[in-house]
Amino acid sequence: MSHQQYQELLETLHECMTACNHCFDACLQEEDVKMMSECIRLDRECAEICSYLESAISRNSPFISELASVCATICATCGDECQKHQHEHCQKCAEACFRCAKACQEIAF
């Protein structure tokens, strides 16, 4: 598949990365940062894999399908964690993560 055929996925990955980075930063500002530690950790993992998959797609990596499978798992895990917290930034992040997990799963091996 060409880069253009992945355009919708690229946008979804970028949106998820941005939501995770925002959630990460907002969680660091919460009163009980220790309670948010798992959310913060998973936000970083998710943002990084989304960014990496976006880059892999742009260079037409032969591992896109495998990376998409890993990305789907990490996004779903991050979404599950964020969903546990009532903060608006966590809820928005969870939505972005679940959308991304679904999109990645569609091209995963």
C-alpha atoms as a PDB file:
ATOM      1  CA  MET A   1       0.000   0.000   0.000  1.00  0.00           C
ATOM      2  CA  SER A   2       1.179   3.506  -0.673  1.00  0.00           C
ATOM      3  CA  HIS A   3       1.430   6.361   1.770  1.00  0.00           C
ATOM      4  CA  GLN A   4      -1.730   7.903   0.260  1.00  0.00           C
ATOM      5  CA  GLN A   5      -3.746   4.739   0.910  1.00  0.00           C
ATOM      6  CA  TYR A   6      -2.958   5.125   4.618  1.00  0.00           C
ATOM      7  CA  GLN A   7      -3.996   8.793   4.826  1.00  0.00           C
ATOM      8  CA  GLU A   8      -6.961   8.228   7.160  1.00  0.00           C
ATOM      9  CA  LEU A   9      -4.871   6.028   9.464  1.00  0.00           C
ATOM     10  CA  LEU A  10      -2.076   8.617   9.481  1.00  0.00           C
ATOM     11  CA  GLU A  11      -4.545  11.253  10.651  1.00  0.00           C
ATOM     12  CA  THR A  12      -5.939   8.936  13.337  1.00  0.00           C
ATOM     13  CA  LEU A  13      -2.432   8.102  14.569  1.00  0.00           C
ATOM     14  CA  HIS A  14      -1.529  11.769  14.737  1.00  0.00           C
ATOM     15  CA  GLU A  15      -4.726  12.618  16.626  1.00  0.00           C
ATOM     16  CA  CYS A  16      -4.055   9.826  19.116  1.00  0.00           C
ATOM     17  CA  MET A  17      -0.446  10.901  19.617  1.00  0.00           C
ATOM     18  CA  THR A  18      -1.570  14.473  20.231  1.00  0.00           C
ATOM     19  CA  ALA A  19      -4.307  13.400  22.672  1.00  0.00           C
ATOM     20  CA  CYS A  20      -1.863  11.202  24.587  1.00  0.00           C
ATOM     21  CA  ASN A  21       0.721  13.969  24.795  1.00  0.00           C
ATOM     22  CA  HIS A  22      -1.929  16.379  26.043  1.00  0.00           C
ATOM     23  CA  CYS A  23      -3.202  13.844  28.586  1.00  0.00           C
ATOM     24  CA  PHE A  24       0.358  13.128  29.733  1.00  0.00           C
ATOM     25  CA  ASP A  25       1.008  16.816  30.329  1.00  0.00           C
ATOM     26  CA  ALA A  26      -2.363  17.409  32.008  1.00  0.00           C
ATOM     27  CA  CYS A  27      -1.924  14.377  34.279  1.00  0.00           C
ATOM     28  CA  LEU A  28       1.360  15.835  35.499  1.00  0.00           C
ATOM     29  CA  GLN A  29      -0.614  18.898  36.649  1.00  0.00           C
ATOM     30  CA  GLU A  30      -3.170  16.888  38.631  1.00  0.00           C
ATOM     31  CA  GLU A  31      -3.150  17.170  42.419  1.00  0.00           C
ATOM     32  CA  ASP A  32      -2.491  13.457  42.972  1.00  0.00           C
ATOM     33  CA  VAL A  33       0.172  12.737  40.337  1.00  0.00           C
ATOM     34  CA  LYS A  34       1.007   9.401  41.942  1.00  0.00           C
ATOM     35  CA  MET A  35      -2.553   8.199  41.315  1.00  0.00           C
ATOM     36  CA  MET A  36      -2.066   9.156  37.640  1.00  0.00           C
ATOM     37  CA  SER A  37       1.281   7.369  37.218  1.00  0.00           C
ATOM     38  CA  GLU A  38      -0.022   4.442  35.147  1.00  0.00           C
ATOM     39  CA  CYS A  39      -2.007   6.806  32.938  1.00  0.00           C
ATOM     40  CA  ILE A  40       1.091   8.956  32.431  1.00  0.00           C
ATOM     41  CA  ARG A  41       3.251   5.932  31.606  1.00  0.00           C
ATOM     42  CA  LEU A  42       0.760   4.532  29.103  1.00  0.00           C
ATOM     43  CA  ASP A  43       0.208   7.959  27.521  1.00  0.00           C
ATOM     44  CA  ARG A  44       3.944   8.048  26.758  1.00  0.00           C
ATOM     45  CA  GLU A  45       3.974   4.491  25.383  1.00  0.00           C
ATOM     46  CA  CYS A  46       0.955   5.173  23.199  1.00  0.00           C
ATOM     47  CA  ALA A  47       2.196   8.514  21.870  1.00  0.00           C
ATOM     48  CA  GLU A  48       5.542   6.964  20.982  1.00  0.00           C
ATOM     49  CA  ILE A  49       4.141   3.934  19.132  1.00  0.00           C
ATOM     50  CA  CYS A  50       1.657   6.113  17.232  1.00  0.00           C
ATOM     51  CA  SER A  51       4.462   8.435  16.209  1.00  0.00           C
ATOM     52  CA  TYR A  52       6.656   5.499  15.220  1.00  0.00           C
ATOM     53  CA  LEU A  53       3.923   3.844  13.143  1.00  0.00           C
ATOM     54  CA  GLU A  54       3.183   7.157  11.458  1.00  0.00           C
ATOM     55  CA  SER A  55       6.859   7.403  10.534  1.00  0.00           C
ATOM     56  CA  ALA A  56       6.998   3.752   9.407  1.00  0.00           C
ATOM     57  CA  ILE A  57       4.029   4.288   7.098  1.00  0.00           C
ATOM     58  CA  SER A  58       5.586   7.409   5.610  1.00  0.00           C
ATOM     59  CA  ARG A  59       8.706   5.446   4.660  1.00  0.00           C
ATOM     60  CA  ASN A  60       6.715   2.398   3.471  1.00  0.00           C
ATOM     61  CA  SER A  61       8.232   0.060   6.041  1.00  0.00           C
ATOM     62  CA  PRO A  62       7.760  -3.668   5.379  1.00  0.00           C
ATOM     63  CA  PHE A  63       6.651  -4.020   9.035  1.00  0.00           C
ATOM     64  CA  ILE A  64       3.556  -1.792   8.950  1.00  0.00           C
ATOM     65  CA  SER A  65       1.137  -4.634   9.646  1.00  0.00           C
ATOM     66  CA  GLU A  66       3.139  -5.950  12.587  1.00  0.00           C
ATOM     67  CA  LEU A  67       3.638  -2.465  14.031  1.00  0.00           C
ATOM     68  CA  ALA A  68      -0.083  -1.776  13.622  1.00  0.00           C
ATOM     69  CA  SER A  69      -0.836  -4.880  15.683  1.00  0.00           C
ATOM     70  CA  VAL A  70       1.419  -3.678  18.510  1.00  0.00           C
ATOM     71  CA  CYS A  71       0.008  -0.156  18.208  1.00  0.00           C
ATOM     72  CA  ALA A  72      -3.560  -1.478  18.483  1.00  0.00           C
ATOM     73  CA  THR A  73      -2.677  -3.321  21.700  1.00  0.00           C
ATOM     74  CA  ILE A  74      -0.960  -0.319  23.272  1.00  0.00           C
ATOM     75  CA  CYS A  75      -3.727   2.088  22.231  1.00  0.00           C
ATOM     76  CA  ALA A  76      -6.429  -0.176  23.677  1.00  0.00           C
ATOM     77  CA  THR A  77      -4.481  -0.559  26.929  1.00  0.00           C
ATOM     78  CA  CYS A  78      -3.961   3.196  27.201  1.00  0.00           C
ATOM     79  CA  GLY A  79      -7.640   3.794  26.436  1.00  0.00           C
ATOM     80  CA  ASP A  80      -8.667   1.349  29.161  1.00  0.00           C
ATOM     81  CA  GLU A  81      -6.485   3.168  31.702  1.00  0.00           C
ATOM     82  CA  CYS A  82      -7.553   6.664  30.690  1.00  0.00           C
ATOM     83  CA  GLN A  83     -11.199   5.631  30.789  1.00  0.00           C
ATOM     84  CA  LYS A  84     -10.819   4.903  34.538  1.00  0.00           C
ATOM     85  CA  HIS A  85     -10.208   8.599  35.278  1.00  0.00           C
ATOM     86  CA  GLN A  86     -12.953  11.212  35.194  1.00  0.00           C
ATOM     87  CA  HIS A  87     -10.720  14.051  34.025  1.00  0.00           C
ATOM     88  CA  GLU A  88     -11.853  15.466  30.695  1.00  0.00           C
ATOM     89  CA  HIS A  89      -8.377  15.087  29.198  1.00  0.00           C
ATOM     90  CA  CYS A  90      -8.358  11.384  30.136  1.00  0.00           C
ATOM     91  CA  GLN A  91     -11.798  10.788  28.649  1.00  0.00           C
ATOM     92  CA  LYS A  92     -10.849  12.517  25.380  1.00  0.00           C
ATOM     93  CA  CYS A  93      -7.602  10.556  25.286  1.00  0.00           C
ATOM     94  CA  ALA A  94      -9.476   7.283  25.812  1.00  0.00           C
ATOM     95  CA  GLU A  95     -11.762   8.067  22.868  1.00  0.00           C
ATOM     96  CA  ALA A  96      -8.780   8.841  20.609  1.00  0.00           C
ATOM     97  CA  CYS A  97      -6.988   5.683  21.756  1.00  0.00           C
ATOM     98  CA  PHE A  98      -9.974   3.439  21.050  1.00  0.00           C
ATOM     99  CA  ARG A  99     -10.441   4.984  17.577  1.00  0.00           C
ATOM    100  CA  CYS A 100      -6.770   4.436  16.843  1.00  0.00           C
ATOM    101  CA  ALA A 101      -6.780   0.869  18.155  1.00  0.00           C
ATOM    102  CA  LYS A 102      -9.694   0.043  15.863  1.00  0.00           C
ATOM    103  CA  ALA A 103      -8.023   1.651  12.835  1.00  0.00           C
ATOM    104  CA  CYS A 104      -4.744  -0.153  13.513  1.00  0.00           C
ATOM    105  CA  GLN A 105      -6.490  -3.481  14.006  1.00  0.00           C
ATOM    106  CA  GLU A 106      -7.987  -3.169  10.524  1.00  0.00           C
ATOM    107  CA  ILE A 107      -4.528  -3.311   8.908  1.00  0.00           C
ATOM    108  CA  ALA A 108      -2.787  -5.557  11.437  1.00  0.00           C
ATOM    109  CA  PHE A 109      -1.701  -9.040  10.437  1.00  0.00           C
END
